[in-house]
Amino acid sequence: MKKTIIITSLVIVFLMLYFLQTNFFNWFTINGVSPNLFILFVLFIGLFAGKRLGIPMGIALGLALDFFISKKIGISGIMLGLTGAARRNFK
């Protein structure tokens, strides 16, 4: 039950970030470069939830981005999956 609530909340946050990225941050550029919120989101998941949730969420969210935005399927899925593999080594 707890895991489904966490995944559902992550999907809701993804949808909010998608709305912000496509509507607001396309206008907000610094020297023609706009920030990518999805990389930060998947990096946050990978660092704080671990590889077991970071990699699948990165791949799933990246493939969703490819279907919605990109013409090439799989590029964002691979890159966000690798970003989700980040881990912390704090002790």
C-alpha atoms as a PDB file:
ATOM      1  CA  MET A   1       0.000   0.000   0.000  1.00  0.00           C
ATOM      2  CA  LYS A   2       2.770   2.412   0.916  1.00  0.00           C
ATOM      3  CA  LYS A   3       4.681   1.689  -2.289  1.00  0.00           C
ATOM      4  CA  THR A   4       1.651   2.358  -4.491  1.00  0.00           C
ATOM      5  CA  ILE A   5       1.065   5.692  -2.750  1.00  0.00           C
ATOM      6  CA  ILE A   6       4.701   6.658  -3.324  1.00  0.00           C
ATOM      7  CA  ILE A   7       4.633   5.712  -7.007  1.00  0.00           C
ATOM      8  CA  THR A   8       1.286   7.467  -7.507  1.00  0.00           C
ATOM      9  CA  SER A   9       2.625  10.635  -5.917  1.00  0.00           C
ATOM     10  CA  LEU A  10       5.753  10.459  -8.114  1.00  0.00           C
ATOM     11  CA  VAL A  11       3.589  10.177 -11.225  1.00  0.00           C
ATOM     12  CA  ILE A  12       1.522  13.190 -10.096  1.00  0.00           C
ATOM     13  CA  VAL A  13       4.729  15.192  -9.535  1.00  0.00           C
ATOM     14  CA  PHE A  14       5.907  14.110 -13.010  1.00  0.00           C
ATOM     15  CA  LEU A  15       2.695  15.415 -14.570  1.00  0.00           C
ATOM     16  CA  MET A  16       3.070  18.735 -12.757  1.00  0.00           C
ATOM     17  CA  LEU A  17       6.701  18.991 -13.920  1.00  0.00           C
ATOM     18  CA  TYR A  18       5.628  18.161 -17.467  1.00  0.00           C
ATOM     19  CA  PHE A  19       3.092  21.001 -17.344  1.00  0.00           C
ATOM     20  CA  LEU A  20       5.710  23.422 -15.981  1.00  0.00           C
ATOM     21  CA  GLN A  21       8.372  22.319 -18.467  1.00  0.00           C
ATOM     22  CA  THR A  22       6.185  22.628 -21.543  1.00  0.00           C
ATOM     23  CA  ASN A  23       4.353  25.815 -20.594  1.00  0.00           C
ATOM     24  CA  PHE A  24       6.593  27.935 -18.407  1.00  0.00           C
ATOM     25  CA  PHE A  25      10.224  26.915 -18.820  1.00  0.00           C
ATOM     26  CA  ASN A  26      10.138  27.088 -22.625  1.00  0.00           C
ATOM     27  CA  TRP A  27       9.961  30.872 -22.232  1.00  0.00           C
ATOM     28  CA  PHE A  28      12.518  30.998 -19.433  1.00  0.00           C
ATOM     29  CA  THR A  29      15.880  30.567 -21.142  1.00  0.00           C
ATOM     30  CA  ILE A  30      19.380  31.706 -20.349  1.00  0.00           C
ATOM     31  CA  ASN A  31      21.341  32.281 -23.566  1.00  0.00           C
ATOM     32  CA  GLY A  32      18.964  29.957 -25.411  1.00  0.00           C
ATOM     33  CA  VAL A  33      19.259  27.089 -22.908  1.00  0.00           C
ATOM     34  CA  SER A  34      16.197  26.103 -20.897  1.00  0.00           C
ATOM     35  CA  PRO A  35      16.402  24.072 -17.659  1.00  0.00           C
ATOM     36  CA  ASN A  36      15.364  20.427 -17.684  1.00  0.00           C
ATOM     37  CA  LEU A  37      13.295  19.593 -14.620  1.00  0.00           C
ATOM     38  CA  PHE A  38      13.026  15.904 -15.471  1.00  0.00           C
ATOM     39  CA  ILE A  39      16.732  15.282 -14.960  1.00  0.00           C
ATOM     40  CA  LEU A  40      16.550  16.881 -11.529  1.00  0.00           C
ATOM     41  CA  PHE A  41      13.455  14.862 -10.630  1.00  0.00           C
ATOM     42  CA  VAL A  42      14.946  11.503 -11.638  1.00  0.00           C
ATOM     43  CA  LEU A  43      18.241  12.384  -9.947  1.00  0.00           C
ATOM     44  CA  PHE A  44      16.309  13.142  -6.759  1.00  0.00           C
ATOM     45  CA  ILE A  45      14.534   9.767  -6.976  1.00  0.00           C
ATOM     46  CA  GLY A  46      17.804   7.934  -7.610  1.00  0.00           C
ATOM     47  CA  LEU A  47      19.611   9.620  -4.737  1.00  0.00           C
ATOM     48  CA  PHE A  48      16.945   9.344  -2.082  1.00  0.00           C
ATOM     49  CA  ALA A  49      14.971   6.233  -3.061  1.00  0.00           C
ATOM     50  CA  GLY A  50      17.847   4.161  -4.430  1.00  0.00           C
ATOM     51  CA  LYS A  51      18.651   2.344  -7.638  1.00  0.00           C
ATOM     52  CA  ARG A  52      15.769  -0.095  -7.328  1.00  0.00           C
ATOM     53  CA  LEU A  53      13.260   2.708  -7.856  1.00  0.00           C
ATOM     54  CA  GLY A  54      15.466   5.240  -9.659  1.00  0.00           C
ATOM     55  CA  ILE A  55      16.317   3.181 -12.732  1.00  0.00           C
ATOM     56  CA  PRO A  56      12.777   1.924 -13.552  1.00  0.00           C
ATOM     57  CA  MET A  57      11.230   5.326 -12.866  1.00  0.00           C
ATOM     58  CA  GLY A  58      13.895   7.006 -15.009  1.00  0.00           C
ATOM     59  CA  ILE A  59      13.259   4.636 -17.900  1.00  0.00           C
ATOM     60  CA  ALA A  60       9.467   4.884 -17.600  1.00  0.00           C
ATOM     61  CA  LEU A  61       9.442   8.671 -17.315  1.00  0.00           C
ATOM     62  CA  GLY A  62      11.963   8.994 -20.141  1.00  0.00           C
ATOM     63  CA  LEU A  63       9.863   6.822 -22.434  1.00  0.00           C
ATOM     64  CA  ALA A  64       6.786   8.866 -21.522  1.00  0.00           C
ATOM     65  CA  LEU A  65       8.697  12.022 -22.458  1.00  0.00           C
ATOM     66  CA  ASP A  66       9.747  10.451 -25.748  1.00  0.00           C
ATOM     67  CA  PHE A  67       6.158   9.595 -26.600  1.00  0.00           C
ATOM     68  CA  PHE A  68       4.891  13.078 -25.702  1.00  0.00           C
ATOM     69  CA  ILE A  69       7.684  15.333 -26.963  1.00  0.00           C
ATOM     70  CA  SER A  70      10.375  13.647 -29.032  1.00  0.00           C
ATOM     71  CA  LYS A  71      10.384  12.042 -32.443  1.00  0.00           C
ATOM     72  CA  LYS A  72      13.019   9.476 -31.464  1.00  0.00           C
ATOM     73  CA  ILE A  73      11.828   6.894 -28.964  1.00  0.00           C
ATOM     74  CA  GLY A  74      14.258   5.605 -26.355  1.00  0.00           C
ATOM     75  CA  ILE A  75      16.874   8.340 -26.064  1.00  0.00           C
ATOM     76  CA  SER A  76      15.352  10.046 -23.012  1.00  0.00           C
ATOM     77  CA  GLY A  77      14.493   6.674 -21.482  1.00  0.00           C
ATOM     78  CA  ILE A  78      18.107   5.533 -21.615  1.00  0.00           C
ATOM     79  CA  MET A  79      19.514   8.823 -20.365  1.00  0.00           C
ATOM     80  CA  LEU A  80      17.043   9.214 -17.495  1.00  0.00           C
ATOM     81  CA  GLY A  81      17.535   5.555 -16.584  1.00  0.00           C
ATOM     82  CA  LEU A  82      21.271   6.171 -16.257  1.00  0.00           C
ATOM     83  CA  THR A  83      20.557   9.305 -14.239  1.00  0.00           C
ATOM     84  CA  GLY A  84      18.323   7.273 -11.928  1.00  0.00           C
ATOM     85  CA  ALA A  85      21.241   4.918 -11.284  1.00  0.00           C
ATOM     86  CA  ALA A  86      23.004   7.641  -9.294  1.00  0.00           C
ATOM     87  CA  ARG A  87      23.431   6.778  -5.664  1.00  0.00           C
ATOM     88  CA  ARG A  88      24.739   8.409  -2.587  1.00  0.00           C
ATOM     89  CA  ASN A  89      27.748   7.120  -0.699  1.00  0.00           C
ATOM     90  CA  PHE A  90      27.191   8.895   2.588  1.00  0.00           C
ATOM     91  CA  LYS A  91      27.927   7.046   5.823  1.00  0.00           C
END
